[in-house]
Amino acid sequence: METTGAPLRAIALVCTLSASPAQSSSQLLAEQTMAALAEHGVTGQVIRIADHDVKPGVETDMGHGDAWPEIRAAILGADILVLSTPIWLGHPCSIAQRVLERLDAEISETDDEGRMLTYGKVAAVCVVGNEDGAHKVSADVFQGLNDVGFSLAPNAVTYWVGEAMQGTDYQDLDATPQKTTTTTKTLAANTVHLARQLKAAPYAASS
């Protein structure tokens, strides 16, 4: 287990449509992922986006009352971003899409050497739902995160989907399925490994 090297920090953005204190399968899987990262010495925090007034838009700050600048600061202060989303109608939920749209502003935010401020940061994805679509949802989110500068390790998604057309949620299960637990641990190990590598050897400056 990789626990040596520079300390790492992670932030998990939970994109459930429900604000606290409502129970959330997306929150549960994000917390399990953070616990798996902690086994590798990673510290961090979980933020439920629905608890904050994140304005629509594609700027770093959308003005009065916008909660995104503080969340963005937490992202930029972390080495690892975990984005957790439910599946709705076969797609990432609307809040996950809003997060990606706000992250779009990072394309024009660069350091003195022309690199996006997200370069060197590693992302991972959690997906839950009681319908099919985990691979499609992760593909959509992967593409968006990569476009805005995040790197992705192999097997950078953990997910659970219930039986089609049934009402059971991940949080309703008596125990976490072993396959999901194993996948979460793999995500954590690979994500930490890549984050440590990038911290030691940053990407070259843009030409």
Foldseek 3Di string as FASTA:
>chain_A
DAQDFDAFEEEEEQEDLDDPPDDDLLVVLSVLLQVLLVVNVYYYYYHYPNNAQADAAQACDPDDRHPNVVVVVRLLVGQEYEYTAEADPQEGDPSLVRVLSNLNNQCPDADPLAARSQFLHAYAYEYWEQADHPVVHRVVSVVSVVVSHHHYFPLRYAYDYHHHPDDDTCVNDPDHDPVSSVSSNVNSVRNVVSSSVCVVPPDDGDD
